[in-house]
């Protein structure tokens, strides 16, 4: 799938840190039931890639990606695990838009954005969004970088997500609030479905040109 087709499926991409493999499938089902079908499984636990495989096998409605990709080897591992996309908190040296799996690189400054565009990217993760200027930064980027679209992540939550989604250069947002760790540990899938449904109801963001 092209990155735009993934990023526009739902207004919120859950950012998941899954500690136990047994939680992956019921968590994925709860989020999909609530209307969030694009899932980012971060490579922050030993079971992360196994969770990707389990979700792909047992939750076919989900589009499963891998997050916290820090180098070219991790991008290749994401592709080999069958991930539909990869997300990095920053620009990975040497990596371009042409790679083994679609990559959403992170940027925090105009200089990083220029470097990302030179590498062929037009879709970016603004990270950590609330620390590097949030809505104000994205408004400032809009005029000099009209070809760029963003998925802000980092400090995005139920209270401010709509402010980001109202911007024309925001495709979607990423956040962990839809899968609170306590709810995951308790197996409270009903709570997670409710939170996902509320997030999905934020609606589709402003339409964006097709990525080039």
C-alpha atoms as a PDB file:
ATOM      1  CA  UNK A   1       0.000   0.000   0.000  1.00  0.00           C
ATOM      2  CA  UNK A   2       1.116   3.560  -0.673  1.00  0.00           C
ATOM      3  CA  UNK A   3       1.684   5.624   2.421  1.00  0.00           C
ATOM      4  CA  UNK A   4      -1.186   8.016   1.710  1.00  0.00           C
ATOM      5  CA  UNK A   5      -3.635   5.113   1.468  1.00  0.00           C
ATOM      6  CA  UNK A   6      -2.515   4.007   4.925  1.00  0.00           C
ATOM      7  CA  UNK A   7      -2.429   7.392   6.629  1.00  0.00           C
ATOM      8  CA  UNK A   8      -5.890   8.386   5.421  1.00  0.00           C
ATOM      9  CA  UNK A   9      -7.731   5.271   6.636  1.00  0.00           C
ATOM     10  CA  UNK A  10      -8.492   6.791  10.052  1.00  0.00           C
ATOM     11  CA  UNK A  11      -7.798  10.093  11.812  1.00  0.00           C
ATOM     12  CA  UNK A  12      -5.760   8.446  14.585  1.00  0.00           C
ATOM     13  CA  UNK A  13      -3.011   5.816  14.435  1.00  0.00           C
ATOM     14  CA  UNK A  14      -2.617   4.065  17.797  1.00  0.00           C
ATOM     15  CA  UNK A  15       1.024   3.946  18.904  1.00  0.00           C
ATOM     16  CA  UNK A  16       1.356   0.647  20.747  1.00  0.00           C
ATOM     17  CA  UNK A  17       3.955  -0.613  23.202  1.00  0.00           C
ATOM     18  CA  UNK A  18       2.942  -4.257  23.657  1.00  0.00           C
ATOM     19  CA  UNK A  19       4.679  -6.007  26.546  1.00  0.00           C
ATOM     20  CA  UNK A  20       3.053  -9.439  26.189  1.00  0.00           C
ATOM     21  CA  UNK A  21       2.420 -11.340  22.973  1.00  0.00           C
ATOM     22  CA  UNK A  22      -0.901 -12.599  24.334  1.00  0.00           C
ATOM     23  CA  UNK A  23      -2.209  -9.031  24.385  1.00  0.00           C
ATOM     24  CA  UNK A  24      -1.542  -8.303  20.703  1.00  0.00           C
ATOM     25  CA  UNK A  25      -4.554  -9.934  19.052  1.00  0.00           C
ATOM     26  CA  UNK A  26      -7.276  -8.864  21.521  1.00  0.00           C
ATOM     27  CA  UNK A  27      -5.811  -5.356  21.557  1.00  0.00           C
ATOM     28  CA  UNK A  28      -5.824  -5.207  17.782  1.00  0.00           C
ATOM     29  CA  UNK A  29      -9.384  -6.493  17.593  1.00  0.00           C
ATOM     30  CA  UNK A  30     -10.556  -3.943  20.165  1.00  0.00           C
ATOM     31  CA  UNK A  31      -9.007  -1.059  18.239  1.00  0.00           C
ATOM     32  CA  UNK A  32     -10.352  -2.228  14.877  1.00  0.00           C
ATOM     33  CA  UNK A  33     -13.801  -2.704  16.376  1.00  0.00           C
ATOM     34  CA  UNK A  34     -13.648   0.917  17.516  1.00  0.00           C
ATOM     35  CA  UNK A  35     -12.814   2.109  14.001  1.00  0.00           C
ATOM     36  CA  UNK A  36      -9.017   2.413  14.120  1.00  0.00           C
ATOM     37  CA  UNK A  37      -7.607  -0.043  11.602  1.00  0.00           C
ATOM     38  CA  UNK A  38      -4.046   1.278  11.188  1.00  0.00           C
ATOM     39  CA  UNK A  39      -1.826   0.138  14.067  1.00  0.00           C
ATOM     40  CA  UNK A  40       1.767   1.092  14.841  1.00  0.00           C
ATOM     41  CA  UNK A  41       3.569  -1.532  16.929  1.00  0.00           C
ATOM     42  CA  UNK A  42       6.700   0.077  18.337  1.00  0.00           C
ATOM     43  CA  UNK A  43       9.960  -1.856  18.468  1.00  0.00           C
ATOM     44  CA  UNK A  44      10.378  -1.149  22.167  1.00  0.00           C
ATOM     45  CA  UNK A  45       9.742  -4.645  23.513  1.00  0.00           C
ATOM     46  CA  UNK A  46      11.273  -8.057  22.728  1.00  0.00           C
ATOM     47  CA  UNK A  47       7.943  -9.379  21.424  1.00  0.00           C
ATOM     48  CA  UNK A  48       7.179  -6.510  19.028  1.00  0.00           C
ATOM     49  CA  UNK A  49       7.864  -8.314  15.740  1.00  0.00           C
ATOM     50  CA  UNK A  50       6.044 -11.415  16.995  1.00  0.00           C
ATOM     51  CA  UNK A  51       3.082  -9.131  17.746  1.00  0.00           C
ATOM     52  CA  UNK A  52       3.179  -7.845  14.170  1.00  0.00           C
ATOM     53  CA  UNK A  53       3.036 -11.417  12.859  1.00  0.00           C
ATOM     54  CA  UNK A  54       0.183 -12.322  15.208  1.00  0.00           C
ATOM     55  CA  UNK A  55      -1.847  -9.265  14.252  1.00  0.00           C
ATOM     56  CA  UNK A  56      -1.358  -9.919  10.536  1.00  0.00           C
ATOM     57  CA  UNK A  57      -2.495 -13.522  10.958  1.00  0.00           C
ATOM     58  CA  UNK A  58      -5.416 -13.000  13.343  1.00  0.00           C
ATOM     59  CA  UNK A  59      -6.664  -9.467  12.624  1.00  0.00           C
ATOM     60  CA  UNK A  60      -6.734  -9.238   8.829  1.00  0.00           C
ATOM     61  CA  UNK A  61      -8.780  -6.019   8.934  1.00  0.00           C
ATOM     62  CA  UNK A  62      -5.815  -4.213  10.489  1.00  0.00           C
ATOM     63  CA  UNK A  63      -3.016  -2.478   8.588  1.00  0.00           C
ATOM     64  CA  UNK A  64      -0.022  -3.167  10.803  1.00  0.00           C
ATOM     65  CA  UNK A  65       3.106  -1.056  10.822  1.00  0.00           C
ATOM     66  CA  UNK A  66       6.267  -0.910  12.894  1.00  0.00           C
ATOM     67  CA  UNK A  67       7.433   2.106  14.876  1.00  0.00           C
ATOM     68  CA  UNK A  68      10.617   3.293  16.580  1.00  0.00           C
ATOM     69  CA  UNK A  69      12.626   2.292  13.505  1.00  0.00           C
ATOM     70  CA  UNK A  70      16.077   3.772  14.061  1.00  0.00           C
ATOM     71  CA  UNK A  71      18.267   2.422  11.261  1.00  0.00           C
ATOM     72  CA  UNK A  72      18.247   0.677   7.889  1.00  0.00           C
ATOM     73  CA  UNK A  73      18.447  -2.757   9.489  1.00  0.00           C
ATOM     74  CA  UNK A  74      15.306  -2.148  11.511  1.00  0.00           C
ATOM     75  CA  UNK A  75      13.527  -0.979   8.346  1.00  0.00           C
ATOM     76  CA  UNK A  76      14.510  -4.240   6.629  1.00  0.00           C
ATOM     77  CA  UNK A  77      13.356  -6.225   9.665  1.00  0.00           C
ATOM     78  CA  UNK A  78       9.992  -4.450   9.507  1.00  0.00           C
ATOM     79  CA  UNK A  79       9.646  -5.424   5.842  1.00  0.00           C
ATOM     80  CA  UNK A  80      10.641  -9.019   6.549  1.00  0.00           C
ATOM     81  CA  UNK A  81       8.038  -9.191   9.337  1.00  0.00           C
ATOM     82  CA  UNK A  82       5.392  -8.190   6.812  1.00  0.00           C
ATOM     83  CA  UNK A  83       4.781  -4.682   8.147  1.00  0.00           C
ATOM     84  CA  UNK A  84       2.770  -2.456   5.820  1.00  0.00           C
ATOM     85  CA  UNK A  85       4.752   0.625   6.840  1.00  0.00           C
ATOM     86  CA  UNK A  86       7.511   1.801   9.157  1.00  0.00           C
ATOM     87  CA  UNK A  87       7.773   4.900  11.331  1.00  0.00           C
ATOM     88  CA  UNK A  88      10.933   6.574  12.619  1.00  0.00           C
ATOM     89  CA  UNK A  89      11.256   9.317  15.242  1.00  0.00           C
ATOM     90  CA  UNK A  90      13.810  11.046  12.998  1.00  0.00           C
ATOM     91  CA  UNK A  91      15.544  10.988   9.627  1.00  0.00           C
ATOM     92  CA  UNK A  92      17.608   7.831   9.165  1.00  0.00           C
ATOM     93  CA  UNK A  93      20.959   8.571   7.488  1.00  0.00           C
ATOM     94  CA  UNK A  94      21.056   7.142   3.974  1.00  0.00           C
ATOM     95  CA  UNK A  95      17.406   6.098   3.889  1.00  0.00           C
ATOM     96  CA  UNK A  96      15.168   7.422   1.128  1.00  0.00           C
ATOM     97  CA  UNK A  97      11.536   7.122   0.124  1.00  0.00           C
ATOM     98  CA  UNK A  98      12.562   4.159  -2.062  1.00  0.00           C
ATOM     99  CA  UNK A  99      13.026   1.300   0.365  1.00  0.00           C
ATOM    100  CA  UNK A 100      11.825  -2.146   1.398  1.00  0.00           C
ATOM    101  CA  UNK A 101       8.742  -0.779   3.140  1.00  0.00           C
ATOM    102  CA  UNK A 102       7.085   2.696   3.087  1.00  0.00           C
ATOM    103  CA  UNK A 103       8.733   4.868   5.740  1.00  0.00           C
ATOM    104  CA  UNK A 104       7.264   7.795   7.659  1.00  0.00           C
ATOM    105  CA  UNK A 105      10.320   9.658   8.991  1.00  0.00           C
ATOM    106  CA  UNK A 106      10.246  12.046  11.903  1.00  0.00           C
ATOM    107  CA  UNK A 107      11.195  15.722  11.718  1.00  0.00           C
ATOM    108  CA  UNK A 108      11.276  18.518  14.242  1.00  0.00           C
ATOM    109  CA  UNK A 109      12.834  21.436  12.340  1.00  0.00           C
ATOM    110  CA  UNK A 110      12.756  23.121   8.947  1.00  0.00           C
ATOM    111  CA  UNK A 111      16.294  21.912   8.234  1.00  0.00           C
ATOM    112  CA  UNK A 112      15.274  18.295   8.872  1.00  0.00           C
ATOM    113  CA  UNK A 113      12.228  18.796   6.675  1.00  0.00           C
ATOM    114  CA  UNK A 114      14.422  20.088   3.828  1.00  0.00           C
ATOM    115  CA  UNK A 115      16.688  17.033   4.204  1.00  0.00           C
ATOM    116  CA  UNK A 116      13.685  14.716   4.193  1.00  0.00           C
ATOM    117  CA  UNK A 117      12.276  16.284   1.041  1.00  0.00           C
ATOM    118  CA  UNK A 118      15.684  15.922  -0.632  1.00  0.00           C
ATOM    119  CA  UNK A 119      15.555  12.198   0.207  1.00  0.00           C
ATOM    120  CA  UNK A 120      12.248  11.894  -1.598  1.00  0.00           C
ATOM    121  CA  UNK A 121       9.850  11.969   1.331  1.00  0.00           C
ATOM    122  CA  UNK A 122       6.698  14.088   1.343  1.00  0.00           C
ATOM    123  CA  UNK A 123       4.970  12.581   4.385  1.00  0.00           C
ATOM    124  CA  UNK A 124       6.484  13.127   7.816  1.00  0.00           C
ATOM    125  CA  UNK A 125       5.937  12.457  11.486  1.00  0.00           C
ATOM    126  CA  UNK A 126       6.251  15.702  13.475  1.00  0.00           C
ATOM    127  CA  UNK A 127       7.929  14.515  16.677  1.00  0.00           C
ATOM    128  CA  UNK A 128       7.744  15.255  19.529  1.00  0.00           C
ATOM    129  CA  UNK A 129       4.885  17.392  18.311  1.00  0.00           C
ATOM    130  CA  UNK A 130       3.923  19.295  21.441  1.00  0.00           C
ATOM    131  CA  UNK A 131       7.555  19.980  22.350  1.00  0.00           C
ATOM    132  CA  UNK A 132       8.631  21.340  18.950  1.00  0.00           C
ATOM    133  CA  UNK A 133       5.782  23.775  18.456  1.00  0.00           C
ATOM    134  CA  UNK A 134       2.722  21.645  17.786  1.00  0.00           C
ATOM    135  CA  UNK A 135      -0.075  23.345  15.869  1.00  0.00           C
ATOM    136  CA  UNK A 136       1.914  26.573  15.570  1.00  0.00           C
ATOM    137  CA  UNK A 137       4.888  24.820  13.991  1.00  0.00           C
ATOM    138  CA  UNK A 138       2.682  23.030  11.485  1.00  0.00           C
ATOM    139  CA  UNK A 139       0.990  26.297  10.503  1.00  0.00           C
ATOM    140  CA  UNK A 140       4.431  27.846   9.985  1.00  0.00           C
ATOM    141  CA  UNK A 141       5.572  24.901   7.823  1.00  0.00           C
ATOM    142  CA  UNK A 142       2.497  25.097   5.573  1.00  0.00           C
ATOM    143  CA  UNK A 143       3.559  27.978   3.325  1.00  0.00           C
ATOM    144  CA  UNK A 144       7.263  27.224   2.678  1.00  0.00           C
ATOM    145  CA  UNK A 145       6.659  23.455   2.428  1.00  0.00           C
ATOM    146  CA  UNK A 146       3.329  23.066   0.582  1.00  0.00           C
ATOM    147  CA  UNK A 147       4.166  19.541  -0.596  1.00  0.00           C
ATOM    148  CA  UNK A 148       4.650  18.185   2.927  1.00  0.00           C
ATOM    149  CA  UNK A 149       1.949  16.491   4.992  1.00  0.00           C
ATOM    150  CA  UNK A 150       2.279  15.391   8.601  1.00  0.00           C
ATOM    151  CA  UNK A 151       1.266  12.876  11.239  1.00  0.00           C
ATOM    152  CA  UNK A 152       1.989  14.697  14.517  1.00  0.00           C
ATOM    153  CA  UNK A 153       2.933  12.385  17.384  1.00  0.00           C
ATOM    154  CA  UNK A 154       4.200  13.044  20.879  1.00  0.00           C
ATOM    155  CA  UNK A 155       1.899  14.718  23.349  1.00  0.00           C
ATOM    156  CA  UNK A 156      -1.120  14.314  21.079  1.00  0.00           C
ATOM    157  CA  UNK A 157      -4.191  13.245  23.047  1.00  0.00           C
ATOM    158  CA  UNK A 158      -7.965  13.249  23.100  1.00  0.00           C
ATOM    159  CA  UNK A 159      -8.041  16.921  24.104  1.00  0.00           C
ATOM    160  CA  UNK A 160      -5.833  18.360  21.370  1.00  0.00           C
ATOM    161  CA  UNK A 161      -6.097  15.867  18.493  1.00  0.00           C
ATOM    162  CA  UNK A 162      -8.928  17.798  16.826  1.00  0.00           C
ATOM    163  CA  UNK A 163      -6.776  20.960  16.779  1.00  0.00           C
ATOM    164  CA  UNK A 164      -4.135  19.106  14.768  1.00  0.00           C
ATOM    165  CA  UNK A 165      -6.638  17.409  12.474  1.00  0.00           C
ATOM    166  CA  UNK A 166      -8.149  20.793  11.576  1.00  0.00           C
ATOM    167  CA  UNK A 167      -4.923  21.747   9.769  1.00  0.00           C
ATOM    168  CA  UNK A 168      -4.787  21.220   5.999  1.00  0.00           C
ATOM    169  CA  UNK A 169      -1.245  19.809   6.151  1.00  0.00           C
ATOM    170  CA  UNK A 170      -2.123  17.147   8.735  1.00  0.00           C
ATOM    171  CA  UNK A 171      -3.107  13.753   7.347  1.00  0.00           C
ATOM    172  CA  UNK A 172      -3.677  12.027  10.687  1.00  0.00           C
ATOM    173  CA  UNK A 173      -2.276  11.986  14.217  1.00  0.00           C
ATOM    174  CA  UNK A 174      -0.538   9.293  16.218  1.00  0.00           C
ATOM    175  CA  UNK A 175      -1.096   8.661  19.899  1.00  0.00           C
ATOM    176  CA  UNK A 176      -1.030   6.141  22.688  1.00  0.00           C
ATOM    177  CA  UNK A 177      -4.032   7.415  24.643  1.00  0.00           C
ATOM    178  CA  UNK A 178      -6.392   4.968  22.920  1.00  0.00           C
ATOM    179  CA  UNK A 179      -4.587   2.007  24.505  1.00  0.00           C
ATOM    180  CA  UNK A 180      -3.745   2.925  28.116  1.00  0.00           C
ATOM    181  CA  UNK A 181      -1.185   0.480  29.588  1.00  0.00           C
ATOM    182  CA  UNK A 182      -3.371  -0.192  32.619  1.00  0.00           C
ATOM    183  CA  UNK A 183      -6.306  -1.161  30.397  1.00  0.00           C
ATOM    184  CA  UNK A 184      -4.081  -3.430  28.302  1.00  0.00           C
ATOM    185  CA  UNK A 185      -2.661  -5.157  31.381  1.00  0.00           C
ATOM    186  CA  UNK A 186      -6.168  -5.621  32.782  1.00  0.00           C
ATOM    187  CA  UNK A 187      -7.530  -6.913  29.490  1.00  0.00           C
ATOM    188  CA  UNK A 188     -10.153  -4.165  29.499  1.00  0.00           C
ATOM    189  CA  UNK A 189     -10.775  -4.387  25.771  1.00  0.00           C
ATOM    190  CA  UNK A 190     -14.181  -2.728  26.095  1.00  0.00           C
ATOM    191  CA  UNK A 191     -12.538   0.452  27.403  1.00  0.00           C
ATOM    192  CA  UNK A 192     -10.051   0.426  24.540  1.00  0.00           C
ATOM    193  CA  UNK A 193     -12.823  -0.048  21.973  1.00  0.00           C
ATOM    194  CA  UNK A 194     -14.670   2.898  23.523  1.00  0.00           C
ATOM    195  CA  UNK A 195     -11.570   5.098  23.356  1.00  0.00           C
ATOM    196  CA  UNK A 196     -10.926   4.009  19.775  1.00  0.00           C
ATOM    197  CA  UNK A 197     -14.503   4.804  18.796  1.00  0.00           C
ATOM    198  CA  UNK A 198     -14.180   8.288  20.294  1.00  0.00           C
ATOM    199  CA  UNK A 199     -10.920   8.818  18.418  1.00  0.00           C
ATOM    200  CA  UNK A 200     -12.374   7.576  15.133  1.00  0.00           C
ATOM    201  CA  UNK A 201     -15.277   9.988  15.584  1.00  0.00           C
ATOM    202  CA  UNK A 202     -12.850  12.904  15.344  1.00  0.00           C
ATOM    203  CA  UNK A 203     -13.475  12.447  11.622  1.00  0.00           C
ATOM    204  CA  UNK A 204     -11.399  12.558   8.515  1.00  0.00           C
ATOM    205  CA  UNK A 205      -8.841  15.360   8.331  1.00  0.00           C
ATOM    206  CA  UNK A 206      -8.728  17.876   5.512  1.00  0.00           C
ATOM    207  CA  UNK A 207      -8.089  16.288   2.122  1.00  0.00           C
ATOM    208  CA  UNK A 208      -4.505  16.336   0.922  1.00  0.00           C
ATOM    209  CA  UNK A 209      -2.939  16.069  -2.531  1.00  0.00           C
ATOM    210  CA  UNK A 210      -1.663  12.654  -3.537  1.00  0.00           C
ATOM    211  CA  UNK A 211       1.922  12.043  -2.512  1.00  0.00           C
ATOM    212  CA  UNK A 212       4.467  12.505  -5.250  1.00  0.00           C
END
